[in-house]
């Protein structure tokens, strides 16, 4: 019975670790990649759709938006120069939508803390109840990571068949309003982050997450072989 509990906790730890890596990968791409937004803005020529705005001003707006998503700004009332006028960049609708987006970002950070706490408590529980951590953790982390990979691969294949469709499905799942449906003739947000931006960002997150997850898989496999011997 104890063995089943230990292995179940170990597999759940693997799932928690995968969530931690996924959330951290999103942060790495959105927050920790120098020049990423400028590169994407240039690639999709977003300045062509904005009224006489410089790249420097657009990047400043972006920095303030990302600070808001991290909870480092009280609101998203950001002022900049556009079309020779000093004006607010975001409309009221965009600000209301970004409140929902900020909620998702902060919820993800909270989930990561919960996962870290669960891993710590699980390891402690296994050790206290007589489980051999060096035997239990490598093989359960390996098995749990493989299972998570399989689920993620299936979901990835489904999404890749029609990114636009599942992009909309994602919004219907996580938002209970239609504030995310923006008008490019009025709202600036949809112009600076077009669908291609989201596709590129999703691909970059998947690659970052995939590399880190493979490293965990390899490490757990090597440790499993080592302690089996």
C-alpha atoms as a PDB file:
ATOM      1  CA  UNK A   1       0.000   0.000   0.000  1.00  0.00           C
ATOM      2  CA  UNK A   2       2.802   2.386   0.940  1.00  0.00           C
ATOM      3  CA  UNK A   3       4.556   1.622  -2.326  1.00  0.00           C
ATOM      4  CA  UNK A   4       1.446   2.566  -4.318  1.00  0.00           C
ATOM      5  CA  UNK A   5       1.099   5.825  -2.396  1.00  0.00           C
ATOM      6  CA  UNK A   6       4.792   6.625  -2.867  1.00  0.00           C
ATOM      7  CA  UNK A   7       4.619   5.989  -6.609  1.00  0.00           C
ATOM      8  CA  UNK A   8       1.408   7.984  -6.959  1.00  0.00           C
ATOM      9  CA  UNK A   9       2.959  10.930  -5.129  1.00  0.00           C
ATOM     10  CA  UNK A  10       6.061  10.645  -7.310  1.00  0.00           C
ATOM     11  CA  UNK A  11       4.044  10.743 -10.537  1.00  0.00           C
ATOM     12  CA  UNK A  12       2.028  13.706  -9.253  1.00  0.00           C
ATOM     13  CA  UNK A  13       5.337  15.417  -8.448  1.00  0.00           C
ATOM     14  CA  UNK A  14       6.378  14.838 -12.062  1.00  0.00           C
ATOM     15  CA  UNK A  15       3.177  16.515 -13.278  1.00  0.00           C
ATOM     16  CA  UNK A  16       3.761  19.425 -10.907  1.00  0.00           C
ATOM     17  CA  UNK A  17       7.312  19.742 -12.186  1.00  0.00           C
ATOM     18  CA  UNK A  18       6.057  19.826 -15.775  1.00  0.00           C
ATOM     19  CA  UNK A  19       3.611  22.612 -14.884  1.00  0.00           C
ATOM     20  CA  UNK A  20       6.437  24.521 -13.193  1.00  0.00           C
ATOM     21  CA  UNK A  21       8.616  24.189 -16.299  1.00  0.00           C
ATOM     22  CA  UNK A  22       5.739  25.238 -18.571  1.00  0.00           C
ATOM     23  CA  UNK A  23       4.936  28.371 -16.558  1.00  0.00           C
ATOM     24  CA  UNK A  24       8.633  29.221 -16.310  1.00  0.00           C
ATOM     25  CA  UNK A  25       9.001  28.747 -20.079  1.00  0.00           C
ATOM     26  CA  UNK A  26       6.215  31.300 -20.662  1.00  0.00           C
ATOM     27  CA  UNK A  27       8.051  33.712 -18.375  1.00  0.00           C
ATOM     28  CA  UNK A  28      11.349  33.034 -20.118  1.00  0.00           C
ATOM     29  CA  UNK A  29       9.916  33.907 -23.524  1.00  0.00           C
ATOM     30  CA  UNK A  30       7.772  36.878 -22.488  1.00  0.00           C
ATOM     31  CA  UNK A  31       9.980  38.421 -19.812  1.00  0.00           C
ATOM     32  CA  UNK A  32      13.535  37.173 -20.128  1.00  0.00           C
ATOM     33  CA  UNK A  33      14.240  37.199 -23.884  1.00  0.00           C
ATOM     34  CA  UNK A  34      16.067  40.445 -24.792  1.00  0.00           C
ATOM     35  CA  UNK A  35      14.783  42.097 -27.974  1.00  0.00           C
ATOM     36  CA  UNK A  36      11.992  39.561 -28.509  1.00  0.00           C
ATOM     37  CA  UNK A  37       9.166  42.070 -28.834  1.00  0.00           C
ATOM     38  CA  UNK A  38      11.180  44.396 -31.069  1.00  0.00           C
ATOM     39  CA  UNK A  39      12.028  41.476 -33.351  1.00  0.00           C
ATOM     40  CA  UNK A  40       8.352  40.450 -33.590  1.00  0.00           C
ATOM     41  CA  UNK A  41       7.170  44.031 -34.117  1.00  0.00           C
ATOM     42  CA  UNK A  42       9.668  44.406 -36.951  1.00  0.00           C
ATOM     43  CA  UNK A  43       8.764  41.026 -38.466  1.00  0.00           C
ATOM     44  CA  UNK A  44       5.056  41.875 -38.624  1.00  0.00           C
ATOM     45  CA  UNK A  45       5.608  45.580 -39.401  1.00  0.00           C
ATOM     46  CA  UNK A  46       3.246  46.639 -36.643  1.00  0.00           C
ATOM     47  CA  UNK A  47       4.329  50.272 -36.815  1.00  0.00           C
ATOM     48  CA  UNK A  48       2.648  50.459 -40.229  1.00  0.00           C
ATOM     49  CA  UNK A  49      -0.706  49.974 -38.474  1.00  0.00           C
ATOM     50  CA  UNK A  50      -0.067  52.548 -35.755  1.00  0.00           C
ATOM     51  CA  UNK A  51      -0.490  56.322 -36.221  1.00  0.00           C
ATOM     52  CA  UNK A  52       3.014  57.806 -36.404  1.00  0.00           C
ATOM     53  CA  UNK A  53       4.589  55.995 -33.477  1.00  0.00           C
ATOM     54  CA  UNK A  54       8.277  55.251 -32.984  1.00  0.00           C
ATOM     55  CA  UNK A  55       9.676  51.839 -32.063  1.00  0.00           C
ATOM     56  CA  UNK A  56      11.171  53.348 -28.907  1.00  0.00           C
ATOM     57  CA  UNK A  57       7.756  54.560 -27.720  1.00  0.00           C
ATOM     58  CA  UNK A  58       6.124  51.241 -28.626  1.00  0.00           C
ATOM     59  CA  UNK A  59       8.725  49.282 -26.650  1.00  0.00           C
ATOM     60  CA  UNK A  60       8.169  51.597 -23.675  1.00  0.00           C
ATOM     61  CA  UNK A  61       4.432  50.878 -23.842  1.00  0.00           C
ATOM     62  CA  UNK A  62       5.233  47.163 -24.040  1.00  0.00           C
ATOM     63  CA  UNK A  63       7.481  47.334 -20.971  1.00  0.00           C
ATOM     64  CA  UNK A  64       4.708  49.018 -18.998  1.00  0.00           C
ATOM     65  CA  UNK A  65       2.188  46.440 -20.207  1.00  0.00           C
ATOM     66  CA  UNK A  66       4.409  43.562 -19.104  1.00  0.00           C
ATOM     67  CA  UNK A  67       4.998  45.246 -15.745  1.00  0.00           C
ATOM     68  CA  UNK A  68       1.231  45.384 -15.347  1.00  0.00           C
ATOM     69  CA  UNK A  69       0.836  41.686 -16.171  1.00  0.00           C
ATOM     70  CA  UNK A  70       3.435  40.869 -13.498  1.00  0.00           C
ATOM     71  CA  UNK A  71       1.488  42.931 -10.980  1.00  0.00           C
ATOM     72  CA  UNK A  72       4.105  45.682 -10.794  1.00  0.00           C
ATOM     73  CA  UNK A  73       1.731  48.397 -12.028  1.00  0.00           C
ATOM     74  CA  UNK A  74      -1.553  49.414 -10.450  1.00  0.00           C
ATOM     75  CA  UNK A  75      -3.353  49.936 -13.778  1.00  0.00           C
ATOM     76  CA  UNK A  76      -2.845  49.969 -17.545  1.00  0.00           C
ATOM     77  CA  UNK A  77      -3.435  53.654 -18.188  1.00  0.00           C
ATOM     78  CA  UNK A  78      -0.328  54.126 -20.318  1.00  0.00           C
ATOM     79  CA  UNK A  79       0.340  57.423 -22.068  1.00  0.00           C
ATOM     80  CA  UNK A  80       2.502  57.806 -25.167  1.00  0.00           C
ATOM     81  CA  UNK A  81       2.936  59.903 -28.297  1.00  0.00           C
ATOM     82  CA  UNK A  82       0.891  58.836 -31.317  1.00  0.00           C
ATOM     83  CA  UNK A  83       0.164  60.849 -34.429  1.00  0.00           C
ATOM     84  CA  UNK A  84       1.852  63.877 -32.898  1.00  0.00           C
ATOM     85  CA  UNK A  85      -0.475  63.749 -29.867  1.00  0.00           C
ATOM     86  CA  UNK A  86       0.132  62.724 -26.265  1.00  0.00           C
ATOM     87  CA  UNK A  87      -2.640  60.204 -25.573  1.00  0.00           C
ATOM     88  CA  UNK A  88      -3.548  56.978 -23.826  1.00  0.00           C
ATOM     89  CA  UNK A  89      -2.438  53.943 -25.775  1.00  0.00           C
ATOM     90  CA  UNK A  90      -5.073  51.457 -24.585  1.00  0.00           C
ATOM     91  CA  UNK A  91      -8.836  51.888 -24.847  1.00  0.00           C
ATOM     92  CA  UNK A  92     -11.200  51.133 -21.953  1.00  0.00           C
ATOM     93  CA  UNK A  93     -12.127  47.818 -23.594  1.00  0.00           C
ATOM     94  CA  UNK A  94      -8.484  46.794 -23.885  1.00  0.00           C
ATOM     95  CA  UNK A  95      -7.816  47.756 -20.278  1.00  0.00           C
ATOM     96  CA  UNK A  96     -10.779  45.663 -19.128  1.00  0.00           C
ATOM     97  CA  UNK A  97      -9.568  42.691 -21.205  1.00  0.00           C
ATOM     98  CA  UNK A  98      -6.026  43.004 -19.892  1.00  0.00           C
ATOM     99  CA  UNK A  99      -7.359  42.825 -16.341  1.00  0.00           C
ATOM    100  CA  UNK A 100      -8.530  39.308 -17.229  1.00  0.00           C
ATOM    101  CA  UNK A 101      -5.165  38.509 -18.836  1.00  0.00           C
ATOM    102  CA  UNK A 102      -3.329  39.742 -15.753  1.00  0.00           C
ATOM    103  CA  UNK A 103      -5.534  37.429 -13.687  1.00  0.00           C
ATOM    104  CA  UNK A 104      -4.337  34.467 -15.767  1.00  0.00           C
ATOM    105  CA  UNK A 105      -0.673  35.461 -15.415  1.00  0.00           C
ATOM    106  CA  UNK A 106      -0.929  35.899 -11.637  1.00  0.00           C
ATOM    107  CA  UNK A 107      -2.937  32.671 -11.290  1.00  0.00           C
ATOM    108  CA  UNK A 108      -0.171  30.812 -13.151  1.00  0.00           C
ATOM    109  CA  UNK A 109       2.451  32.199 -10.753  1.00  0.00           C
ATOM    110  CA  UNK A 110       0.278  31.122  -7.801  1.00  0.00           C
ATOM    111  CA  UNK A 111      -0.140  27.646  -9.348  1.00  0.00           C
ATOM    112  CA  UNK A 112       3.636  27.339  -9.625  1.00  0.00           C
ATOM    113  CA  UNK A 113       3.978  28.066  -5.903  1.00  0.00           C
ATOM    114  CA  UNK A 114       1.329  25.453  -5.125  1.00  0.00           C
ATOM    115  CA  UNK A 115       3.192  22.908  -7.260  1.00  0.00           C
ATOM    116  CA  UNK A 116       6.487  23.664  -5.514  1.00  0.00           C
ATOM    117  CA  UNK A 117       4.816  23.260  -2.120  1.00  0.00           C
ATOM    118  CA  UNK A 118       3.202  19.976  -3.202  1.00  0.00           C
ATOM    119  CA  UNK A 119       6.556  18.577  -4.382  1.00  0.00           C
ATOM    120  CA  UNK A 120       8.243  19.541  -1.104  1.00  0.00           C
ATOM    121  CA  UNK A 121       5.452  18.010   1.005  1.00  0.00           C
ATOM    122  CA  UNK A 122       5.338  14.846  -1.126  1.00  0.00           C
ATOM    123  CA  UNK A 123       9.077  14.278  -0.844  1.00  0.00           C
ATOM    124  CA  UNK A 124       8.815  14.781   2.913  1.00  0.00           C
ATOM    125  CA  UNK A 125       5.858  12.370   3.123  1.00  0.00           C
ATOM    126  CA  UNK A 126       7.682   9.683   1.143  1.00  0.00           C
ATOM    127  CA  UNK A 127      10.775  10.025   3.314  1.00  0.00           C
ATOM    128  CA  UNK A 128       8.840   9.981   6.611  1.00  0.00           C
ATOM    129  CA  UNK A 129       6.831   6.887   5.646  1.00  0.00           C
ATOM    130  CA  UNK A 130       9.932   4.891   4.843  1.00  0.00           C
ATOM    131  CA  UNK A 131      10.196   5.382   1.100  1.00  0.00           C
ATOM    132  CA  UNK A 132      13.639   5.367  -0.483  1.00  0.00           C
ATOM    133  CA  UNK A 133      13.731   8.681  -2.320  1.00  0.00           C
ATOM    134  CA  UNK A 134      16.666   7.756  -4.566  1.00  0.00           C
ATOM    135  CA  UNK A 135      14.697   4.770  -5.846  1.00  0.00           C
ATOM    136  CA  UNK A 136      11.144   6.148  -5.886  1.00  0.00           C
ATOM    137  CA  UNK A 137      11.695   9.633  -7.339  1.00  0.00           C
ATOM    138  CA  UNK A 138      13.834   8.878 -10.433  1.00  0.00           C
ATOM    139  CA  UNK A 139      11.515   6.193 -11.802  1.00  0.00           C
ATOM    140  CA  UNK A 140       8.269   8.011 -10.938  1.00  0.00           C
ATOM    141  CA  UNK A 141       9.536  11.330 -12.303  1.00  0.00           C
ATOM    142  CA  UNK A 142      10.598   9.485 -15.463  1.00  0.00           C
ATOM    143  CA  UNK A 143       7.227   7.729 -15.817  1.00  0.00           C
ATOM    144  CA  UNK A 144       5.226  10.860 -14.968  1.00  0.00           C
ATOM    145  CA  UNK A 145       7.205  12.984 -17.416  1.00  0.00           C
ATOM    146  CA  UNK A 146       6.642  10.456 -20.207  1.00  0.00           C
ATOM    147  CA  UNK A 147       2.906  10.432 -19.449  1.00  0.00           C
ATOM    148  CA  UNK A 148       2.762  14.219 -19.441  1.00  0.00           C
ATOM    149  CA  UNK A 149       4.701  14.260 -22.737  1.00  0.00           C
ATOM    150  CA  UNK A 150       2.180  11.904 -24.300  1.00  0.00           C
ATOM    151  CA  UNK A 151      -0.773  14.057 -23.234  1.00  0.00           C
ATOM    152  CA  UNK A 152       0.983  17.259 -24.348  1.00  0.00           C
ATOM    153  CA  UNK A 153       1.891  15.701 -27.714  1.00  0.00           C
ATOM    154  CA  UNK A 154      -1.719  14.727 -28.395  1.00  0.00           C
ATOM    155  CA  UNK A 155      -2.945  18.216 -27.472  1.00  0.00           C
ATOM    156  CA  UNK A 156      -0.183  19.785 -29.575  1.00  0.00           C
ATOM    157  CA  UNK A 157      -1.135  17.748 -32.629  1.00  0.00           C
ATOM    158  CA  UNK A 158      -4.789  18.699 -32.221  1.00  0.00           C
ATOM    159  CA  UNK A 159      -3.987  22.419 -31.923  1.00  0.00           C
ATOM    160  CA  UNK A 160      -1.568  22.334 -34.866  1.00  0.00           C
ATOM    161  CA  UNK A 161      -4.374  21.227 -37.190  1.00  0.00           C
ATOM    162  CA  UNK A 162      -6.064  24.633 -36.885  1.00  0.00           C
ATOM    163  CA  UNK A 163      -4.295  27.171 -34.654  1.00  0.00           C
ATOM    164  CA  UNK A 164      -6.882  29.907 -35.274  1.00  0.00           C
ATOM    165  CA  UNK A 165      -9.742  27.644 -34.223  1.00  0.00           C
ATOM    166  CA  UNK A 166      -8.097  26.564 -30.977  1.00  0.00           C
ATOM    167  CA  UNK A 167      -6.883  30.091 -30.298  1.00  0.00           C
ATOM    168  CA  UNK A 168     -10.569  31.031 -30.130  1.00  0.00           C
ATOM    169  CA  UNK A 169     -11.384  27.925 -28.064  1.00  0.00           C
ATOM    170  CA  UNK A 170      -8.667  28.943 -25.591  1.00  0.00           C
ATOM    171  CA  UNK A 171     -10.313  32.343 -25.115  1.00  0.00           C
ATOM    172  CA  UNK A 172     -13.738  30.794 -24.640  1.00  0.00           C
ATOM    173  CA  UNK A 173     -12.319  28.505 -21.942  1.00  0.00           C
ATOM    174  CA  UNK A 174     -10.431  31.136 -19.956  1.00  0.00           C
ATOM    175  CA  UNK A 175     -12.616  34.228 -20.456  1.00  0.00           C
ATOM    176  CA  UNK A 176     -16.289  34.587 -19.594  1.00  0.00           C
ATOM    177  CA  UNK A 177     -16.813  37.684 -21.771  1.00  0.00           C
ATOM    178  CA  UNK A 178     -16.144  38.928 -25.310  1.00  0.00           C
ATOM    179  CA  UNK A 179     -13.697  41.680 -24.353  1.00  0.00           C
ATOM    180  CA  UNK A 180     -10.930  39.774 -26.146  1.00  0.00           C
ATOM    181  CA  UNK A 181     -12.663  40.419 -29.497  1.00  0.00           C
ATOM    182  CA  UNK A 182     -10.990  43.707 -30.435  1.00  0.00           C
ATOM    183  CA  UNK A 183     -11.461  46.105 -33.341  1.00  0.00           C
ATOM    184  CA  UNK A 184      -8.152  46.808 -35.179  1.00  0.00           C
ATOM    185  CA  UNK A 185      -9.476  50.190 -36.339  1.00  0.00           C
ATOM    186  CA  UNK A 186      -9.889  51.327 -32.734  1.00  0.00           C
ATOM    187  CA  UNK A 187      -7.906  49.036 -30.440  1.00  0.00           C
ATOM    188  CA  UNK A 188      -4.116  49.160 -30.623  1.00  0.00           C
ATOM    189  CA  UNK A 189      -3.468  45.881 -28.797  1.00  0.00           C
ATOM    190  CA  UNK A 190      -4.659  43.687 -31.666  1.00  0.00           C
ATOM    191  CA  UNK A 191      -2.364  45.595 -34.023  1.00  0.00           C
ATOM    192  CA  UNK A 192       0.799  45.131 -31.965  1.00  0.00           C
ATOM    193  CA  UNK A 193       0.156  41.431 -31.216  1.00  0.00           C
ATOM    194  CA  UNK A 194      -1.341  39.905 -34.393  1.00  0.00           C
ATOM    195  CA  UNK A 195      -2.086  36.195 -34.712  1.00  0.00           C
ATOM    196  CA  UNK A 196       1.393  35.548 -36.105  1.00  0.00           C
ATOM    197  CA  UNK A 197       2.893  36.945 -32.910  1.00  0.00           C
ATOM    198  CA  UNK A 198       0.927  34.428 -30.852  1.00  0.00           C
ATOM    199  CA  UNK A 199       1.970  31.588 -33.184  1.00  0.00           C
ATOM    200  CA  UNK A 200       5.649  32.534 -32.874  1.00  0.00           C
ATOM    201  CA  UNK A 201       5.381  32.928 -29.114  1.00  0.00           C
ATOM    202  CA  UNK A 202       3.610  29.582 -28.698  1.00  0.00           C
ATOM    203  CA  UNK A 203       6.298  27.864 -30.793  1.00  0.00           C
ATOM    204  CA  UNK A 204       9.085  29.467 -28.780  1.00  0.00           C
ATOM    205  CA  UNK A 205       7.445  28.478 -25.487  1.00  0.00           C
ATOM    206  CA  UNK A 206       7.012  24.883 -26.699  1.00  0.00           C
ATOM    207  CA  UNK A 207      10.679  24.665 -27.713  1.00  0.00           C
ATOM    208  CA  UNK A 208      11.880  26.164 -24.416  1.00  0.00           C
ATOM    209  CA  UNK A 209       9.613  23.883 -22.423  1.00  0.00           C
ATOM    210  CA  UNK A 210      10.508  20.847 -24.539  1.00  0.00           C
ATOM    211  CA  UNK A 211      14.251  21.289 -24.016  1.00  0.00           C
ATOM    212  CA  UNK A 212      13.887  21.715 -20.243  1.00  0.00           C
ATOM    213  CA  UNK A 213      11.486  18.775 -19.965  1.00  0.00           C
ATOM    214  CA  UNK A 214      13.804  16.515 -21.986  1.00  0.00           C
ATOM    215  CA  UNK A 215      16.655  17.425 -19.622  1.00  0.00           C
ATOM    216  CA  UNK A 216      14.486  16.377 -16.658  1.00  0.00           C
ATOM    217  CA  UNK A 217      13.565  13.161 -18.473  1.00  0.00           C
ATOM    218  CA  UNK A 218      17.213  12.375 -19.228  1.00  0.00           C
ATOM    219  CA  UNK A 219      18.334  13.144 -15.670  1.00  0.00           C
ATOM    220  CA  UNK A 220      15.621  10.948 -14.138  1.00  0.00           C
ATOM    221  CA  UNK A 221      16.453   8.117 -16.571  1.00  0.00           C
ATOM    222  CA  UNK A 222      20.175   8.232 -15.735  1.00  0.00           C
ATOM    223  CA  UNK A 223      19.477   8.329 -11.995  1.00  0.00           C
ATOM    224  CA  UNK A 224      17.027   5.449 -12.356  1.00  0.00           C
ATOM    225  CA  UNK A 225      19.672   3.344 -14.090  1.00  0.00           C
ATOM    226  CA  UNK A 226      22.314   4.351 -11.566  1.00  0.00           C
ATOM    227  CA  UNK A 227      20.316   3.378  -8.472  1.00  0.00           C
ATOM    228  CA  UNK A 228      19.012   0.180 -10.100  1.00  0.00           C
ATOM    229  CA  UNK A 229      22.606  -0.974 -10.474  1.00  0.00           C
END
